[in-house]
Amino acid sequence: MFDMARSDPAASDLLDDPQLAPLLADASDSASLFTNRVAQPAIVAATLAMWAALRETVPTPALVAGYSIGELAAYGVAGALAPVDAVRLAVERAQLMDACLDRDTAQGMVAVTGIPNAATGTLLQRFGFYPAIVTGEDTLVAGGPAAQREALAAAAAAAGARATALPVEVASHTPLLQGAVVPFEAVLGRQDWRAPAFPVLAGISAEKVEDARLATQVLSRQIAEPIRWMDCMDAAVEAGITVALELGPGAALARMLQSRNPNIACRSVTEFRSLDGIRSWLGRQLE
């Protein structure tokens, strides 16, 4: 997650910051990598380290968006949050979300594809699931009781859809996490915010956010409300975006955006072998 970014001195300095390093102490443990307490700060740190490596040598973005925990990183990319503060907030967010877990009822998330979302919503209700992230007209991620995942998958298959369990133990962006919203809003309210250099798209509404008050509201609400990622991708088109770069680990978002909006040139940093390769590609696209 950090290797390419570390080839740049600025990114390496960020990752070695005495305040940041302890927050990532468990990121090298593959056994716990998918837990909230490890994954959330690691994803934010990897995203911001990559941006630290690139920001002085690439054009200023017109806007930035982040998927789930990536929305917190997006405010760091926009300069509204200091990088160390953003990672620390990710740690606190994870702790508050984990505190919502019921010891007697394990949670889980499932990706459902192949039938219209309206029909999927009806199906989810039967098994106590809720829409969590809407990525297309017939694709979404749902969260609910882990014990019902297999029954949901079987019912989805019978309806002509496909359900795939995800390696996640918290039903993010559903009412099951409502208990974390107010405490995280309070944490965000005490944060030192700066004016963002460019707008951030709110995941729950796809609206442009350019002030701390609204950022505090949408970042806290998105813990227990569905992310409208399909709308965020469409908002990028409406804003005139022609080139997009995925900064965080993986390339799923780049593929998703490219599929939905083929006219946007879109790549993930993980598709390149070097920072110079990323810079060269961006330069060619923006000529």
C-alpha atoms as a PDB file:
ATOM      1  CA  MET A   1       0.000   0.000   0.000  1.00  0.00           C
ATOM      2  CA  PHE A   2       2.842   2.399   0.714  1.00  0.00           C
ATOM      3  CA  ASP A   3       5.766   1.223  -1.430  1.00  0.00           C
ATOM      4  CA  MET A   4       5.337   3.458  -4.481  1.00  0.00           C
ATOM      5  CA  ALA A   5       4.560   6.535  -2.397  1.00  0.00           C
ATOM      6  CA  ARG A   6       7.691   5.951  -0.322  1.00  0.00           C
ATOM      7  CA  SER A   7       9.830   6.467  -3.410  1.00  0.00           C
ATOM      8  CA  ASP A   8       9.041  10.181  -2.968  1.00  0.00           C
ATOM      9  CA  PRO A   9      10.747  12.043  -0.083  1.00  0.00           C
ATOM     10  CA  ALA A  10       7.659  14.062   0.872  1.00  0.00           C
ATOM     11  CA  ALA A  11       5.472  10.975   1.094  1.00  0.00           C
ATOM     12  CA  SER A  12       8.130   9.051   2.976  1.00  0.00           C
ATOM     13  CA  ASP A  13       8.456  11.884   5.493  1.00  0.00           C
ATOM     14  CA  LEU A  14       4.701  11.861   5.994  1.00  0.00           C
ATOM     15  CA  LEU A  15       4.546   8.115   6.635  1.00  0.00           C
ATOM     16  CA  ASP A  16       7.475   8.346   9.056  1.00  0.00           C
ATOM     17  CA  ASP A  17       5.951  11.259  10.978  1.00  0.00           C
ATOM     18  CA  PRO A  18       6.258  10.405  14.703  1.00  0.00           C
ATOM     19  CA  GLN A  19       2.587  11.248  15.178  1.00  0.00           C
ATOM     20  CA  LEU A  20       1.435   9.129  12.251  1.00  0.00           C
ATOM     21  CA  ALA A  21       3.551   5.988  12.514  1.00  0.00           C
ATOM     22  CA  PRO A  22       1.915   4.710  15.744  1.00  0.00           C
ATOM     23  CA  LEU A  23      -1.509   4.941  14.110  1.00  0.00           C
ATOM     24  CA  LEU A  24      -0.337   2.495  11.430  1.00  0.00           C
ATOM     25  CA  ALA A  25       1.512   0.069  13.690  1.00  0.00           C
ATOM     26  CA  ASP A  26      -0.731  -2.874  12.785  1.00  0.00           C
ATOM     27  CA  ALA A  27      -0.974  -2.202   9.035  1.00  0.00           C
ATOM     28  CA  SER A  28       1.640  -4.858   8.246  1.00  0.00           C
ATOM     29  CA  ASP A  29      -0.392  -7.605   9.952  1.00  0.00           C
ATOM     30  CA  SER A  30      -2.275  -9.308   7.122  1.00  0.00           C
ATOM     31  CA  ALA A  31      -4.468 -11.198   9.589  1.00  0.00           C
ATOM     32  CA  SER A  32      -6.085  -7.994  10.847  1.00  0.00           C
ATOM     33  CA  LEU A  33      -5.852  -5.879   7.695  1.00  0.00           C
ATOM     34  CA  PHE A  34      -9.607  -6.023   7.015  1.00  0.00           C
ATOM     35  CA  THR A  35     -10.623  -4.986  10.517  1.00  0.00           C
ATOM     36  CA  ASN A  36     -11.936  -1.461  10.950  1.00  0.00           C
ATOM     37  CA  ARG A  37      -9.238  -0.406  13.378  1.00  0.00           C
ATOM     38  CA  VAL A  38      -6.474  -1.307  10.900  1.00  0.00           C
ATOM     39  CA  ALA A  39      -8.053  -0.805   7.479  1.00  0.00           C
ATOM     40  CA  GLN A  40      -9.532   2.654   7.936  1.00  0.00           C
ATOM     41  CA  PRO A  41      -6.380   4.533   9.024  1.00  0.00           C
ATOM     42  CA  ALA A  42      -4.254   2.524   6.582  1.00  0.00           C
ATOM     43  CA  ILE A  43      -6.453   3.440   3.599  1.00  0.00           C
ATOM     44  CA  VAL A  44      -6.461   7.123   4.542  1.00  0.00           C
ATOM     45  CA  ALA A  45      -2.697   7.146   5.087  1.00  0.00           C
ATOM     46  CA  ALA A  46      -1.979   5.365   1.796  1.00  0.00           C
ATOM     47  CA  THR A  47      -4.202   7.800  -0.113  1.00  0.00           C
ATOM     48  CA  LEU A  48      -2.658  10.888   1.456  1.00  0.00           C
ATOM     49  CA  ALA A  49       0.877   9.567   1.050  1.00  0.00           C
ATOM     50  CA  MET A  50       0.258   9.066  -2.658  1.00  0.00           C
ATOM     51  CA  TRP A  51      -1.139  12.569  -2.925  1.00  0.00           C
ATOM     52  CA  ALA A  52       1.879  13.956  -1.061  1.00  0.00           C
ATOM     53  CA  ALA A  53       4.074  12.270  -3.674  1.00  0.00           C
ATOM     54  CA  LEU A  54       2.146  13.739  -6.611  1.00  0.00           C
ATOM     55  CA  ARG A  55       0.603  17.067  -5.646  1.00  0.00           C
ATOM     56  CA  GLU A  56       3.582  19.310  -6.483  1.00  0.00           C
ATOM     57  CA  THR A  57       3.965  17.902  -9.993  1.00  0.00           C
ATOM     58  CA  VAL A  58       0.391  17.379 -11.243  1.00  0.00           C
ATOM     59  CA  PRO A  59      -2.387  19.864 -12.077  1.00  0.00           C
ATOM     60  CA  THR A  60      -4.735  20.998  -9.319  1.00  0.00           C
ATOM     61  CA  PRO A  61      -7.874  18.818  -9.302  1.00  0.00           C
ATOM     62  CA  ALA A  62     -11.249  20.341 -10.120  1.00  0.00           C
ATOM     63  CA  LEU A  63     -12.824  18.225  -7.377  1.00  0.00           C
ATOM     64  CA  VAL A  64     -12.210  15.135  -5.271  1.00  0.00           C
ATOM     65  CA  ALA A  65     -14.471  12.335  -4.071  1.00  0.00           C
ATOM     66  CA  GLY A  66     -13.976   9.442  -1.695  1.00  0.00           C
ATOM     67  CA  TYR A  67     -15.711   6.083  -1.375  1.00  0.00           C
ATOM     68  CA  SER A  68     -16.751   5.345   2.237  1.00  0.00           C
ATOM     69  CA  ILE A  69     -13.668   5.962   4.444  1.00  0.00           C
ATOM     70  CA  GLY A  70     -12.098   7.473   1.322  1.00  0.00           C
ATOM     71  CA  GLU A  71     -14.331  10.508   1.803  1.00  0.00           C
ATOM     72  CA  LEU A  72     -12.353  11.370   4.930  1.00  0.00           C
ATOM     73  CA  ALA A  73      -9.143  11.042   2.923  1.00  0.00           C
ATOM     74  CA  ALA A  74     -10.667  13.303   0.268  1.00  0.00           C
ATOM     75  CA  TYR A  75     -10.772  16.188   2.742  1.00  0.00           C
ATOM     76  CA  GLY A  76      -7.092  15.594   3.388  1.00  0.00           C
ATOM     77  CA  VAL A  77      -6.372  15.678  -0.348  1.00  0.00           C
ATOM     78  CA  ALA A  78      -8.320  18.944  -0.614  1.00  0.00           C
ATOM     79  CA  GLY A  79      -6.263  20.435   2.229  1.00  0.00           C
ATOM     80  CA  ALA A  80      -9.233  20.840   4.568  1.00  0.00           C
ATOM     81  CA  LEU A  81      -7.608  18.445   7.053  1.00  0.00           C
ATOM     82  CA  ALA A  82      -3.950  17.972   7.894  1.00  0.00           C
ATOM     83  CA  PRO A  83      -2.832  14.452   6.902  1.00  0.00           C
ATOM     84  CA  VAL A  84      -2.077  13.312  10.456  1.00  0.00           C
ATOM     85  CA  ASP A  85      -5.429  14.663  11.633  1.00  0.00           C
ATOM     86  CA  ALA A  86      -7.246  12.792   8.859  1.00  0.00           C
ATOM     87  CA  VAL A  87      -5.606   9.495   9.835  1.00  0.00           C
ATOM     88  CA  ARG A  88      -6.327  10.108  13.520  1.00  0.00           C
ATOM     89  CA  LEU A  89      -9.963  10.795  12.647  1.00  0.00           C
ATOM     90  CA  ALA A  90     -10.042   7.489  10.775  1.00  0.00           C
ATOM     91  CA  VAL A  91      -8.914   5.730  13.961  1.00  0.00           C
ATOM     92  CA  GLU A  92     -11.644   7.433  15.994  1.00  0.00           C
ATOM     93  CA  ARG A  93     -14.253   6.709  13.317  1.00  0.00           C
ATOM     94  CA  ALA A  94     -13.343   3.022  13.349  1.00  0.00           C
ATOM     95  CA  GLN A  95     -13.546   2.868  17.143  1.00  0.00           C
ATOM     96  CA  LEU A  96     -16.989   4.499  17.203  1.00  0.00           C
ATOM     97  CA  MET A  97     -18.266   2.177  14.476  1.00  0.00           C
ATOM     98  CA  ASP A  98     -16.920  -0.899  16.253  1.00  0.00           C
ATOM     99  CA  ALA A  99     -18.683   0.248  19.416  1.00  0.00           C
ATOM    100  CA  CYS A 100     -21.993  -0.204  17.563  1.00  0.00           C
ATOM    101  CA  LEU A 101     -21.418  -3.918  17.125  1.00  0.00           C
ATOM    102  CA  ASP A 102     -23.825  -6.187  18.997  1.00  0.00           C
ATOM    103  CA  ARG A 103     -21.987  -9.083  20.617  1.00  0.00           C
ATOM    104  CA  ASP A 104     -24.986 -11.318  19.981  1.00  0.00           C
ATOM    105  CA  THR A 105     -25.628 -10.277  16.371  1.00  0.00           C
ATOM    106  CA  ALA A 106     -22.641 -10.251  14.016  1.00  0.00           C
ATOM    107  CA  GLN A 107     -22.829  -7.847  11.081  1.00  0.00           C
ATOM    108  CA  GLY A 108     -21.784  -8.277   7.492  1.00  0.00           C
ATOM    109  CA  MET A 109     -21.955  -6.748   4.025  1.00  0.00           C
ATOM    110  CA  VAL A 110     -23.020  -8.256   0.721  1.00  0.00           C
ATOM    111  CA  ALA A 111     -22.669  -7.025  -2.869  1.00  0.00           C
ATOM    112  CA  VAL A 112     -25.868  -7.597  -4.864  1.00  0.00           C
ATOM    113  CA  THR A 113     -25.938  -7.297  -8.654  1.00  0.00           C
ATOM    114  CA  GLY A 114     -28.236  -8.182 -11.506  1.00  0.00           C
ATOM    115  CA  ILE A 115     -31.699  -6.858 -10.599  1.00  0.00           C
ATOM    116  CA  PRO A 116     -33.022  -3.268 -10.314  1.00  0.00           C
ATOM    117  CA  ASN A 117     -32.263  -1.610  -7.006  1.00  0.00           C
ATOM    118  CA  ALA A 118     -35.958  -1.136  -6.223  1.00  0.00           C
ATOM    119  CA  ALA A 119     -36.455  -4.895  -6.338  1.00  0.00           C
ATOM    120  CA  THR A 120     -33.248  -5.434  -4.397  1.00  0.00           C
ATOM    121  CA  GLY A 121     -34.501  -3.138  -1.635  1.00  0.00           C
ATOM    122  CA  THR A 122     -37.586  -5.284  -1.175  1.00  0.00           C
ATOM    123  CA  LEU A 123     -35.430  -8.404  -1.079  1.00  0.00           C
ATOM    124  CA  LEU A 124     -33.075  -6.922   1.506  1.00  0.00           C
ATOM    125  CA  GLN A 125     -35.906  -6.089   3.896  1.00  0.00           C
ATOM    126  CA  ARG A 126     -36.835  -9.765   4.178  1.00  0.00           C
ATOM    127  CA  PHE A 127     -33.447 -10.521   5.724  1.00  0.00           C
ATOM    128  CA  GLY A 128     -32.904  -7.395   7.810  1.00  0.00           C
ATOM    129  CA  PHE A 129     -30.448  -5.833   5.363  1.00  0.00           C
ATOM    130  CA  TYR A 130     -30.205  -2.208   4.237  1.00  0.00           C
ATOM    131  CA  PRO A 131     -28.754  -0.562   1.122  1.00  0.00           C
ATOM    132  CA  ALA A 132     -25.295   0.759   2.054  1.00  0.00           C
ATOM    133  CA  ILE A 133     -23.548   1.835  -1.159  1.00  0.00           C
ATOM    134  CA  VAL A 134     -25.381   2.305  -4.453  1.00  0.00           C
ATOM    135  CA  THR A 135     -22.976   1.904  -7.372  1.00  0.00           C
ATOM    136  CA  GLY A 136     -25.386   1.477 -10.317  1.00  0.00           C
ATOM    137  CA  GLU A 137     -29.012   1.029 -11.316  1.00  0.00           C
ATOM    138  CA  ASP A 138     -28.750  -2.691 -10.580  1.00  0.00           C
ATOM    139  CA  THR A 139     -25.698  -2.923  -8.318  1.00  0.00           C
ATOM    140  CA  LEU A 140     -25.353  -2.098  -4.651  1.00  0.00           C
ATOM    141  CA  VAL A 141     -23.693  -3.124  -1.422  1.00  0.00           C
ATOM    142  CA  ALA A 142     -25.945  -3.958   1.521  1.00  0.00           C
ATOM    143  CA  GLY A 143     -25.326  -4.353   5.231  1.00  0.00           C
ATOM    144  CA  GLY A 144     -27.145  -6.392   7.841  1.00  0.00           C
ATOM    145  CA  PRO A 145     -26.946  -9.439  10.108  1.00  0.00           C
ATOM    146  CA  ALA A 146     -24.144 -11.777   9.074  1.00  0.00           C
ATOM    147  CA  ALA A 147     -26.264 -14.821   9.937  1.00  0.00           C
ATOM    148  CA  GLN A 148     -28.644 -13.942   7.092  1.00  0.00           C
ATOM    149  CA  ARG A 149     -26.030 -13.572   4.354  1.00  0.00           C
ATOM    150  CA  GLU A 150     -26.413 -17.071   2.945  1.00  0.00           C
ATOM    151  CA  ALA A 151     -30.197 -16.845   2.954  1.00  0.00           C
ATOM    152  CA  LEU A 152     -29.997 -13.481   1.215  1.00  0.00           C
ATOM    153  CA  ALA A 153     -27.588 -14.877  -1.391  1.00  0.00           C
ATOM    154  CA  ALA A 154     -29.921 -17.810  -2.092  1.00  0.00           C
ATOM    155  CA  ALA A 155     -32.941 -15.531  -2.435  1.00  0.00           C
ATOM    156  CA  ALA A 156     -30.980 -13.199  -4.701  1.00  0.00           C
ATOM    157  CA  ALA A 157     -29.993 -16.115  -6.938  1.00  0.00           C
ATOM    158  CA  ALA A 158     -33.626 -17.231  -7.104  1.00  0.00           C
ATOM    159  CA  ALA A 159     -34.560 -13.709  -8.206  1.00  0.00           C
ATOM    160  CA  GLY A 160     -31.962 -13.762 -10.992  1.00  0.00           C
ATOM    161  CA  ALA A 161     -29.329 -11.739  -9.132  1.00  0.00           C
ATOM    162  CA  ARG A 162     -25.990 -12.549  -7.519  1.00  0.00           C
ATOM    163  CA  ALA A 163     -24.950 -11.832  -3.938  1.00  0.00           C
ATOM    164  CA  THR A 164     -21.317 -11.933  -2.836  1.00  0.00           C
ATOM    165  CA  ALA A 165     -20.276 -11.710   0.812  1.00  0.00           C
ATOM    166  CA  LEU A 166     -17.576  -9.112   1.484  1.00  0.00           C
ATOM    167  CA  PRO A 167     -14.710  -9.469   3.995  1.00  0.00           C
ATOM    168  CA  VAL A 168     -16.233  -6.802   6.261  1.00  0.00           C
ATOM    169  CA  GLU A 169     -17.608  -7.277   9.771  1.00  0.00           C
ATOM    170  CA  VAL A 170     -19.386  -3.934  10.216  1.00  0.00           C
ATOM    171  CA  ALA A 171     -22.553  -2.924   8.346  1.00  0.00           C
ATOM    172  CA  SER A 172     -21.269   0.520   7.380  1.00  0.00           C
ATOM    173  CA  HIS A 173     -23.652   3.145   5.993  1.00  0.00           C
ATOM    174  CA  THR A 174     -26.747   1.494   7.464  1.00  0.00           C
ATOM    175  CA  PRO A 175     -28.981   2.351  10.461  1.00  0.00           C
ATOM    176  CA  LEU A 176     -27.145  -0.324  12.449  1.00  0.00           C
ATOM    177  CA  LEU A 177     -24.341   2.238  12.856  1.00  0.00           C
ATOM    178  CA  GLN A 178     -26.574   5.121  13.961  1.00  0.00           C
ATOM    179  CA  GLY A 179     -24.996   5.126  17.404  1.00  0.00           C
ATOM    180  CA  ALA A 180     -21.699   6.374  15.941  1.00  0.00           C
ATOM    181  CA  VAL A 181     -23.117   9.401  14.112  1.00  0.00           C
ATOM    182  CA  VAL A 182     -23.537  11.953  16.913  1.00  0.00           C
ATOM    183  CA  PRO A 183     -20.255  11.095  18.664  1.00  0.00           C
ATOM    184  CA  PHE A 184     -18.303  11.363  15.411  1.00  0.00           C
ATOM    185  CA  GLU A 185     -20.003  14.653  14.575  1.00  0.00           C
ATOM    186  CA  ALA A 186     -18.771  15.949  17.922  1.00  0.00           C
ATOM    187  CA  VAL A 187     -15.248  14.746  17.170  1.00  0.00           C
ATOM    188  CA  LEU A 188     -15.330  16.454  13.762  1.00  0.00           C
ATOM    189  CA  GLY A 189     -16.693  19.632  15.341  1.00  0.00           C
ATOM    190  CA  ARG A 190     -13.594  19.910  17.520  1.00  0.00           C
ATOM    191  CA  GLN A 191     -11.298  19.433  14.539  1.00  0.00           C
ATOM    192  CA  ASP A 192      -9.134  22.191  13.043  1.00  0.00           C
ATOM    193  CA  TRP A 193     -10.606  22.665   9.564  1.00  0.00           C
ATOM    194  CA  ARG A 194      -9.182  24.701   6.691  1.00  0.00           C
ATOM    195  CA  ALA A 195     -10.860  25.950   3.532  1.00  0.00           C
ATOM    196  CA  PRO A 196     -10.510  23.188   0.894  1.00  0.00           C
ATOM    197  CA  ALA A 197      -8.481  24.026  -2.195  1.00  0.00           C
ATOM    198  CA  PHE A 198     -11.196  22.400  -4.326  1.00  0.00           C
ATOM    199  CA  PRO A 199     -14.643  20.913  -3.627  1.00  0.00           C
ATOM    200  CA  VAL A 200     -15.243  17.500  -2.109  1.00  0.00           C
ATOM    201  CA  LEU A 201     -18.270  15.475  -3.222  1.00  0.00           C
ATOM    202  CA  ALA A 202     -20.469  14.323  -0.338  1.00  0.00           C
ATOM    203  CA  GLY A 203     -21.047  10.600  -0.612  1.00  0.00           C
ATOM    204  CA  ILE A 204     -24.606  10.702   0.710  1.00  0.00           C
ATOM    205  CA  SER A 205     -25.794  13.388  -1.722  1.00  0.00           C
ATOM    206  CA  ALA A 206     -23.110  13.977  -4.394  1.00  0.00           C
ATOM    207  CA  GLU A 207     -23.251  17.703  -3.569  1.00  0.00           C
ATOM    208  CA  LYS A 208     -20.093  19.802  -3.549  1.00  0.00           C
ATOM    209  CA  VAL A 209     -18.826  20.563  -0.050  1.00  0.00           C
ATOM    210  CA  GLU A 210     -16.650  23.606   0.486  1.00  0.00           C
ATOM    211  CA  ASP A 211     -17.059  24.499   4.174  1.00  0.00           C
ATOM    212  CA  ALA A 212     -16.370  22.817   7.512  1.00  0.00           C
ATOM    213  CA  ARG A 213     -19.944  22.960   8.804  1.00  0.00           C
ATOM    214  CA  LEU A 214     -21.341  20.937   5.924  1.00  0.00           C
ATOM    215  CA  ALA A 215     -18.315  18.633   5.896  1.00  0.00           C
ATOM    216  CA  THR A 216     -18.912  17.803   9.560  1.00  0.00           C
ATOM    217  CA  GLN A 217     -22.546  16.969   8.866  1.00  0.00           C
ATOM    218  CA  VAL A 218     -22.089  14.775   5.818  1.00  0.00           C
ATOM    219  CA  LEU A 219     -19.023  12.930   7.130  1.00  0.00           C
ATOM    220  CA  SER A 220     -20.843  11.948  10.302  1.00  0.00           C
ATOM    221  CA  ARG A 221     -24.156  11.109   8.614  1.00  0.00           C
ATOM    222  CA  GLN A 222     -22.525   8.853   6.024  1.00  0.00           C
ATOM    223  CA  ILE A 223     -21.630   6.355   8.750  1.00  0.00           C
ATOM    224  CA  ALA A 224     -25.310   5.358   8.973  1.00  0.00           C
ATOM    225  CA  GLU A 225     -26.714   6.531   5.613  1.00  0.00           C
ATOM    226  CA  PRO A 226     -26.209   4.958   2.184  1.00  0.00           C
ATOM    227  CA  ILE A 227     -23.421   6.219  -0.061  1.00  0.00           C
ATOM    228  CA  ARG A 228     -24.757   7.276  -3.470  1.00  0.00           C
ATOM    229  CA  TRP A 229     -21.601   6.485  -5.407  1.00  0.00           C
ATOM    230  CA  MET A 230     -23.482   6.220  -8.692  1.00  0.00           C
ATOM    231  CA  ASP A 231     -24.620   9.818  -8.198  1.00  0.00           C
ATOM    232  CA  CYS A 232     -21.078  10.901  -7.316  1.00  0.00           C
ATOM    233  CA  MET A 233     -19.770   9.419 -10.564  1.00  0.00           C
ATOM    234  CA  ASP A 234     -22.501  11.219 -12.509  1.00  0.00           C
ATOM    235  CA  ALA A 235     -21.772  14.459 -10.646  1.00  0.00           C
ATOM    236  CA  ALA A 236     -18.177  14.248 -11.866  1.00  0.00           C
ATOM    237  CA  VAL A 237     -19.454  14.152 -15.440  1.00  0.00           C
ATOM    238  CA  GLU A 238     -21.788  17.085 -14.800  1.00  0.00           C
ATOM    239  CA  ALA A 239     -18.848  19.045 -13.398  1.00  0.00           C
ATOM    240  CA  GLY A 240     -16.972  18.554 -16.677  1.00  0.00           C
ATOM    241  CA  ILE A 241     -14.387  16.076 -15.400  1.00  0.00           C
ATOM    242  CA  THR A 242     -12.450  14.477 -18.261  1.00  0.00           C
ATOM    243  CA  VAL A 243      -9.601  12.773 -16.360  1.00  0.00           C
ATOM    244  CA  ALA A 244      -9.754  10.891 -13.053  1.00  0.00           C
ATOM    245  CA  LEU A 245      -7.060   9.261 -10.931  1.00  0.00           C
ATOM    246  CA  GLU A 246      -7.777   6.801  -8.120  1.00  0.00           C
ATOM    247  CA  LEU A 247      -5.255   7.442  -5.340  1.00  0.00           C
ATOM    248  CA  GLY A 248      -6.050   4.725  -2.812  1.00  0.00           C
ATOM    249  CA  PRO A 249      -5.287   0.999  -2.748  1.00  0.00           C
ATOM    250  CA  GLY A 250      -6.844  -1.079  -5.520  1.00  0.00           C
ATOM    251  CA  ALA A 251      -8.449  -0.165  -8.833  1.00  0.00           C
ATOM    252  CA  ALA A 252     -12.130  -0.993  -8.329  1.00  0.00           C
ATOM    253  CA  LEU A 253     -13.262   2.639  -8.358  1.00  0.00           C
ATOM    254  CA  ALA A 254     -11.347   3.422 -11.533  1.00  0.00           C
ATOM    255  CA  ARG A 255     -12.922   0.457 -13.300  1.00  0.00           C
ATOM    256  CA  MET A 256     -16.355   1.416 -12.024  1.00  0.00           C
ATOM    257  CA  LEU A 257     -16.059   5.012 -13.206  1.00  0.00           C
ATOM    258  CA  GLN A 258     -14.645   3.986 -16.574  1.00  0.00           C
ATOM    259  CA  SER A 259     -17.508   1.550 -17.101  1.00  0.00           C
ATOM    260  CA  ARG A 260     -20.189   4.067 -16.220  1.00  0.00           C
ATOM    261  CA  ASN A 261     -18.598   7.033 -17.975  1.00  0.00           C
ATOM    262  CA  PRO A 262     -16.352   5.831 -20.842  1.00  0.00           C
ATOM    263  CA  ASN A 263     -15.558   9.393 -21.898  1.00  0.00           C
ATOM    264  CA  ILE A 264     -13.567   9.974 -18.722  1.00  0.00           C
ATOM    265  CA  ALA A 265      -9.949   8.843 -18.951  1.00  0.00           C
ATOM    266  CA  CYS A 266      -9.551   6.985 -15.680  1.00  0.00           C
ATOM    267  CA  ARG A 267      -6.717   5.033 -14.071  1.00  0.00           C
ATOM    268  CA  SER A 268      -5.647   3.897 -10.625  1.00  0.00           C
ATOM    269  CA  VAL A 269      -2.193   4.575  -9.227  1.00  0.00           C
ATOM    270  CA  THR A 270      -1.869   0.825  -8.653  1.00  0.00           C
ATOM    271  CA  GLU A 271      -1.822   0.297 -12.429  1.00  0.00           C
ATOM    272  CA  PHE A 272       1.517   2.097 -12.742  1.00  0.00           C
ATOM    273  CA  ARG A 273       5.039   0.990 -11.900  1.00  0.00           C
ATOM    274  CA  SER A 274       6.306   4.413 -10.866  1.00  0.00           C
ATOM    275  CA  LEU A 275       5.283   7.923  -9.897  1.00  0.00           C
ATOM    276  CA  ASP A 276       6.822   9.198 -13.131  1.00  0.00           C
ATOM    277  CA  GLY A 277       4.510   6.871 -15.046  1.00  0.00           C
ATOM    278  CA  ILE A 278       1.503   8.430 -13.320  1.00  0.00           C
ATOM    279  CA  ARG A 279       2.730  11.946 -14.033  1.00  0.00           C
ATOM    280  CA  SER A 280       3.399  11.090 -17.669  1.00  0.00           C
ATOM    281  CA  TRP A 281      -0.076   9.624 -18.153  1.00  0.00           C
ATOM    282  CA  LEU A 282      -1.745  12.637 -16.558  1.00  0.00           C
ATOM    283  CA  GLY A 283       0.314  14.962 -18.722  1.00  0.00           C
ATOM    284  CA  ARG A 284      -0.738  13.196 -21.899  1.00  0.00           C
ATOM    285  CA  GLN A 285      -4.423  13.191 -20.942  1.00  0.00           C
ATOM    286  CA  LEU A 286      -4.432  16.883 -20.105  1.00  0.00           C
ATOM    287  CA  GLU A 287      -2.554  18.151 -23.156  1.00  0.00           C
END
